[in-house]
Amino acid sequence: MKKILVPTDFSEYAEYALKTAAQIARRNKGEIILLHMLELPNQMVDAVSGGSDIPEVMFFMQRARERFEEVKSSPYLEGIPVTEAVQFERAFEGIIQSSKKHNVDMVVMGSHGASGFQEFFVGSNTEKVVRSSDVPVLVVKNELDITKIKRFVFASDFSGEIKKPFTQVIDFAKSFGAHLDLLMINTPSHFRSTEESEKTINEFIAGFDIQDYSMHIYNDYSVEKGVLHFARRVGADLIGVSTHGRTGVNRFLNGSIGEDIVNHAKRPVVTFKI
């Protein structure tokens, strides 16, 4: 987690993300790429690309530079290398392209959650980034003190395809010094006995360097509710899920459950690409 991308619309939620990213960068001696998207009409984008100076665009560019300078002067960023970037694209596309362009290790985003569809980084934009990012995406909705992340719940079906991102999950838990709660949800339509579930998890983690962890089998009416209810019950500080990219979430997180957890969880959620 040496290079962190933080998309910003300069809102309080974006600041939550930036403060969180600053803590992670400071702990890992890393850097931050601060990205602002200017979503312009196509004709304006073409004109700017062609070297034309459009007053409206120049105004927004100047305003963005002023806001960047204000943000970069924040005490919590002192001593952390911060590079600002502005792109003329739709938010989702710009975030994914910038992530690849700068070869970042993770993305940290601020979000209102399910009710905040009028803001920049909520709803479909957040869901699309979570679904498509090749690197872990951490979504925060409030101020977060990473030193207080002591319980990290990772929910999965622990199938073979999860083994690749699971290495990142372990590294994530170790970086925060957090206990890792390995969670499997049983639902009426996909029920397995406790014995079967524990066997699946034990076989899955065999060969991984993991010490500070515990296994949990939780029954609920849906996977999403099970994850959220369990996290609340144990007082989780962070929830983790894996995603399957553009094809949707993995067979454990059917349909849009992964994105729903990101939207509805009050706790921070981190996603890992399979």
Protein backbone atom coordinates (compact mmCIF):
# COMPACT_ATOMS: atom_id res chain seq x y z
CA MET A 1 0.00 0.00 0.00
CA LYS A 2 2.68 2.42 -1.11
CA LYS A 3 0.66 4.33 -3.71
CA ILE A 4 -2.94 5.28 -2.96
CA LEU A 5 -5.50 6.87 -5.30
CA VAL A 6 -8.08 9.13 -3.66
CA PRO A 7 -10.86 10.49 -5.90
CA THR A 8 -12.19 13.79 -4.58
CA ASP A 9 -15.08 16.15 -5.18
CA PHE A 10 -13.80 18.22 -2.22
CA SER A 11 -16.79 17.18 -0.10
CA GLU A 12 -16.62 16.13 3.55
CA TYR A 13 -16.94 12.47 2.47
CA ALA A 14 -13.99 12.81 0.14
CA GLU A 15 -12.06 14.33 3.04
CA TYR A 16 -12.87 11.27 5.18
CA ALA A 17 -11.27 9.17 2.46
CA LEU A 18 -8.23 11.44 2.19
CA LYS A 19 -7.65 11.44 5.94
CA THR A 20 -7.83 7.64 5.93
CA ALA A 21 -5.45 7.42 2.97
CA ALA A 22 -3.04 9.79 4.73
CA GLN A 23 -2.87 7.48 7.75
CA ILE A 24 -2.22 4.45 5.55
CA ALA A 25 0.40 6.30 3.50
CA ARG A 26 2.16 7.56 6.61
CA ARG A 27 2.28 4.08 8.12
CA ASN A 28 3.67 2.59 4.90
CA LYS A 29 5.86 5.54 3.84
CA GLY A 30 3.70 5.83 0.77
CA GLU A 31 2.25 8.53 -1.47
CA ILE A 32 -1.18 9.78 -2.52
CA ILE A 33 -2.60 10.53 -5.96
CA LEU A 34 -5.43 13.01 -5.46
CA LEU A 35 -7.83 12.87 -8.40
CA HIS A 36 -10.57 15.32 -9.35
CA MET A 37 -12.89 14.63 -12.26
CA LEU A 38 -14.32 17.40 -14.44
CA GLU A 39 -17.26 15.83 -16.24
CA LEU A 40 -17.68 18.06 -19.29
CA PRO A 41 -19.87 17.88 -22.41
CA ASN A 42 -18.13 16.07 -25.28
CA GLN A 43 -17.71 19.24 -27.34
CA MET A 44 -15.86 20.92 -24.48
CA VAL A 45 -13.57 17.91 -23.99
CA ASP A 46 -12.77 17.93 -27.73
CA ALA A 47 -12.04 21.65 -27.64
CA VAL A 48 -9.75 21.34 -24.62
CA SER A 49 -7.95 18.40 -26.23
CA GLY A 50 -7.44 20.55 -29.31
CA GLY A 51 -5.79 23.30 -27.30
CA SER A 52 -8.71 25.72 -27.14
CA ASP A 53 -9.24 27.87 -24.04
CA ILE A 54 -12.90 27.78 -23.05
CA PRO A 55 -13.76 30.28 -20.29
CA GLU A 56 -16.04 27.89 -18.41
CA VAL A 57 -13.44 25.12 -18.47
CA MET A 58 -10.65 27.48 -17.45
CA PHE A 59 -12.75 28.67 -14.52
CA PHE A 60 -13.34 25.13 -13.24
CA MET A 61 -9.68 24.23 -13.77
CA GLN A 62 -8.56 27.27 -11.78
CA ARG A 63 -11.05 26.51 -9.04
CA ALA A 64 -9.80 22.90 -8.90
CA ARG A 65 -6.18 24.11 -8.54
CA GLU A 66 -7.21 26.43 -5.70
CA ARG A 67 -9.03 23.61 -3.91
CA PHE A 68 -6.03 21.30 -4.41
CA GLU A 69 -3.77 23.84 -2.74
CA GLU A 70 -6.19 24.23 0.15
CA VAL A 71 -6.39 20.48 0.66
CA LYS A 72 -2.64 19.89 0.32
CA SER A 73 -1.99 22.43 3.08
CA SER A 74 -4.01 20.34 5.56
CA PRO A 75 -1.93 19.36 8.63
CA TYR A 76 -2.81 15.67 8.29
CA LEU A 77 -0.99 15.57 4.93
CA GLU A 78 2.24 17.09 6.22
CA GLY A 79 5.26 15.11 5.05
CA ILE A 80 3.24 12.88 2.69
CA PRO A 81 3.97 13.17 -1.06
CA VAL A 82 0.72 14.22 -2.77
CA THR A 83 0.28 14.48 -6.54
CA GLU A 84 -2.85 16.14 -7.86
CA ALA A 85 -4.51 15.13 -11.12
CA VAL A 86 -7.52 16.41 -13.08
CA GLN A 87 -9.22 14.35 -15.78
CA PHE A 88 -12.01 15.26 -18.19
CA GLU A 89 -13.99 12.05 -17.98
CA ARG A 90 -16.93 10.47 -16.25
CA ALA A 91 -16.11 9.70 -12.64
CA PHE A 92 -16.10 5.92 -12.86
CA GLU A 93 -14.03 5.73 -16.06
CA GLY A 94 -11.57 8.33 -14.85
CA ILE A 95 -10.98 6.57 -11.54
CA ILE A 96 -10.31 3.21 -13.18
CA GLN A 97 -8.03 4.72 -15.84
CA SER A 98 -6.10 6.75 -13.28
CA SER A 99 -5.69 3.69 -11.11
CA LYS A 100 -4.02 1.87 -14.00
CA LYS A 101 -2.07 4.89 -15.25
CA HIS A 102 -0.45 5.55 -11.87
CA ASN A 103 -0.11 1.85 -11.01
CA VAL A 104 -1.66 2.36 -7.58
CA ASP A 105 -1.86 -0.27 -4.86
CA MET A 106 -5.32 0.69 -3.64
CA VAL A 107 -8.17 3.16 -4.02
CA VAL A 108 -9.76 4.92 -1.05
CA MET A 109 -13.19 6.47 -1.64
CA GLY A 110 -15.64 8.42 0.46
CA SER A 111 -19.34 7.62 0.20
CA HIS A 112 -22.70 8.52 1.69
CA GLY A 113 -23.91 4.98 1.20
CA ALA A 114 -27.34 3.92 0.04
CA SER A 115 -29.10 7.22 0.68
CA GLY A 116 -26.65 9.60 -0.93
CA PHE A 117 -27.42 9.38 -4.62
CA GLN A 118 -27.15 13.14 -5.15
CA GLU A 119 -23.44 13.25 -4.38
CA PHE A 120 -20.50 12.53 -6.63
CA PHE A 121 -19.04 9.37 -5.15
CA VAL A 122 -22.10 7.34 -4.30
CA GLY A 123 -24.53 4.95 -5.86
CA SER A 124 -23.54 3.68 -9.28
CA ASN A 125 -20.08 5.31 -9.37
CA THR A 126 -18.96 3.63 -6.18
CA GLU A 127 -20.48 0.32 -7.24
CA LYS A 128 -18.80 0.43 -10.65
CA VAL A 129 -15.39 1.18 -9.16
CA VAL A 130 -15.81 -1.58 -6.58
CA ARG A 131 -16.84 -4.03 -9.29
CA SER A 132 -14.15 -3.14 -11.81
CA SER A 133 -11.03 -2.12 -9.90
CA ASP A 134 -8.04 -4.43 -10.20
CA VAL A 135 -6.71 -3.20 -6.84
CA PRO A 136 -8.38 -3.18 -3.42
CA VAL A 137 -10.98 -0.46 -2.90
CA LEU A 138 -11.60 0.90 0.60
CA VAL A 139 -14.91 2.74 1.00
CA VAL A 140 -15.33 4.94 4.10
CA LYS A 141 -18.38 6.89 5.23
CA ASN A 142 -17.09 8.55 8.38
CA GLU A 143 -13.81 9.63 9.90
CA LEU A 144 -11.70 6.54 10.46
CA ASP A 145 -8.83 6.02 12.87
CA ILE A 146 -6.89 3.11 11.38
CA THR A 147 -5.16 2.45 14.71
CA LYS A 148 -8.56 1.34 16.02
CA ILE A 149 -9.09 -1.32 13.34
CA LYS A 150 -8.80 -4.42 15.52
CA ARG A 151 -11.44 -6.75 14.03
CA PHE A 152 -11.53 -7.34 10.28
CA VAL A 153 -14.42 -9.51 9.07
CA PHE A 154 -13.78 -11.19 5.72
CA ALA A 155 -16.91 -12.83 4.28
CA SER A 156 -16.57 -15.49 1.59
CA ASP A 157 -17.63 -18.94 0.41
CA PHE A 158 -13.90 -19.86 0.53
CA SER A 159 -13.87 -21.48 -2.88
CA GLY A 160 -10.62 -21.99 -4.78
CA GLU A 161 -10.90 -18.80 -6.82
CA ILE A 162 -10.71 -16.72 -3.64
CA LYS A 163 -7.18 -17.93 -2.86
CA LYS A 164 -5.48 -15.32 -5.05
CA PRO A 165 -7.03 -12.24 -3.38
CA PHE A 166 -6.86 -13.91 0.04
CA THR A 167 -3.14 -13.17 0.19
CA GLN A 168 -4.07 -9.48 -0.01
CA VAL A 169 -6.67 -9.99 2.71
CA ILE A 170 -4.04 -11.42 5.06
CA ASP A 171 -1.60 -8.62 4.25
CA PHE A 172 -4.35 -6.08 4.88
CA ALA A 173 -5.15 -7.55 8.29
CA LYS A 174 -1.47 -7.70 9.25
CA SER A 175 -0.87 -4.10 8.16
CA PHE A 176 -3.49 -2.95 10.68
CA GLY A 177 -2.58 -5.50 13.33
CA ALA A 178 -6.19 -6.69 13.21
CA HIS A 179 -7.78 -9.99 14.18
CA LEU A 180 -9.21 -11.66 11.06
CA ASP A 181 -12.74 -13.08 11.37
CA LEU A 182 -13.33 -15.58 8.56
CA LEU A 183 -17.06 -15.59 7.93
CA MET A 184 -19.27 -17.98 5.95
CA ILE A 185 -22.97 -17.17 5.67
CA ASN A 186 -25.58 -19.93 5.51
CA THR A 187 -28.88 -19.02 3.88
CA PRO A 188 -32.02 -21.16 3.41
CA SER A 189 -31.31 -21.51 -0.31
CA HIS A 190 -27.60 -22.31 0.13
CA PHE A 191 -27.35 -24.23 3.37
CA ARG A 192 -24.40 -26.30 4.57
CA SER A 193 -23.91 -27.91 7.94
CA THR A 194 -21.48 -26.40 10.42
CA GLU A 195 -19.21 -29.40 9.97
CA GLU A 196 -19.15 -28.99 6.18
CA SER A 197 -18.57 -25.24 6.45
CA GLU A 198 -15.71 -25.56 8.93
CA LYS A 199 -14.09 -28.22 6.77
CA THR A 200 -14.29 -25.92 3.73
CA ILE A 201 -12.66 -23.04 5.59
CA ASN A 202 -9.94 -25.22 7.13
CA GLU A 203 -9.03 -26.71 3.76
CA PHE A 204 -9.04 -23.25 2.21
CA ILE A 205 -6.61 -21.65 4.68
CA ALA A 206 -4.20 -24.60 4.72
CA GLY A 207 -0.84 -23.33 3.43
CA PHE A 208 -1.51 -19.66 4.19
CA ASP A 209 0.58 -17.82 6.77
CA ILE A 210 -2.24 -16.84 9.07
CA GLN A 211 -2.23 -16.88 12.88
CA ASP A 212 -4.53 -14.27 14.39
CA TYR A 213 -7.90 -15.44 13.08
CA SER A 214 -11.13 -17.20 13.98
CA MET A 215 -13.81 -19.01 11.93
CA HIS A 216 -17.51 -18.22 12.05
CA ILE A 217 -20.60 -19.81 10.50
CA TYR A 218 -23.61 -17.48 10.59
CA ASN A 219 -27.19 -18.22 9.53
CA ASP A 220 -29.42 -15.56 8.04
CA TYR A 221 -32.05 -15.02 5.36
CA SER A 222 -29.59 -13.50 2.89
CA VAL A 223 -25.84 -13.14 2.53
CA GLU A 224 -25.96 -9.35 2.72
CA LYS A 225 -28.02 -9.34 5.93
CA GLY A 226 -25.84 -12.06 7.42
CA VAL A 227 -22.63 -10.11 6.82
CA LEU A 228 -24.05 -6.87 8.21
CA HIS A 229 -25.69 -8.52 11.21
CA PHE A 230 -22.57 -10.50 12.11
CA ALA A 231 -20.35 -7.42 11.75
CA ARG A 232 -22.61 -5.51 14.10
CA ARG A 233 -22.76 -8.39 16.59
CA VAL A 234 -18.98 -8.72 16.95
CA GLY A 235 -18.28 -4.99 16.70
CA ALA A 236 -16.26 -5.29 13.49
CA ASP A 237 -14.11 -2.32 12.54
CA LEU A 238 -13.79 -3.30 8.87
CA ILE A 239 -15.63 -5.60 6.44
CA GLY A 240 -13.94 -7.30 3.50
CA VAL A 241 -15.47 -9.01 0.45
CA SER A 242 -14.11 -10.25 -2.86
CA THR A 243 -15.44 -9.23 -6.28
CA HIS A 244 -15.41 -10.82 -9.70
CA GLY A 245 -14.86 -7.72 -11.83
CA ARG A 246 -17.16 -6.75 -14.68
CA THR A 247 -18.93 -10.08 -14.66
CA GLY A 248 -20.37 -9.35 -11.23
CA VAL A 249 -19.40 -10.59 -7.82
CA ASN A 250 -18.28 -14.15 -7.09
CA ARG A 251 -20.70 -17.02 -6.78
CA PHE A 252 -20.83 -16.47 -3.02
CA LEU A 253 -21.84 -12.84 -3.51
CA ASN A 254 -24.54 -13.45 -6.09
CA GLY A 255 -25.93 -10.59 -8.15
CA SER A 256 -25.13 -7.22 -6.63
CA ILE A 257 -24.72 -8.32 -3.01
CA GLY A 258 -21.11 -7.11 -2.83
CA GLU A 259 -22.10 -3.64 -3.96
CA ASP A 260 -25.12 -3.71 -1.64
CA ILE A 261 -22.85 -4.41 1.32
CA VAL A 262 -20.68 -1.43 0.33
CA ASN A 263 -23.77 0.76 0.10
CA HIS A 264 -25.56 -0.37 3.25
CA ALA A 265 -22.73 -1.01 5.70
CA LYS A 266 -22.11 1.77 8.19
CA ARG A 267 -18.64 0.37 8.71
CA PRO A 268 -15.80 0.79 6.19
CA VAL A 269 -15.69 -1.91 3.52
CA VAL A 270 -12.71 -3.08 1.48
CA THR A 271 -13.11 -5.13 -1.71
CA PHE A 272 -10.60 -7.44 -3.37
CA LYS A 273 -10.63 -8.42 -7.06
CA ILE A 274 -10.62 -12.13 -7.87
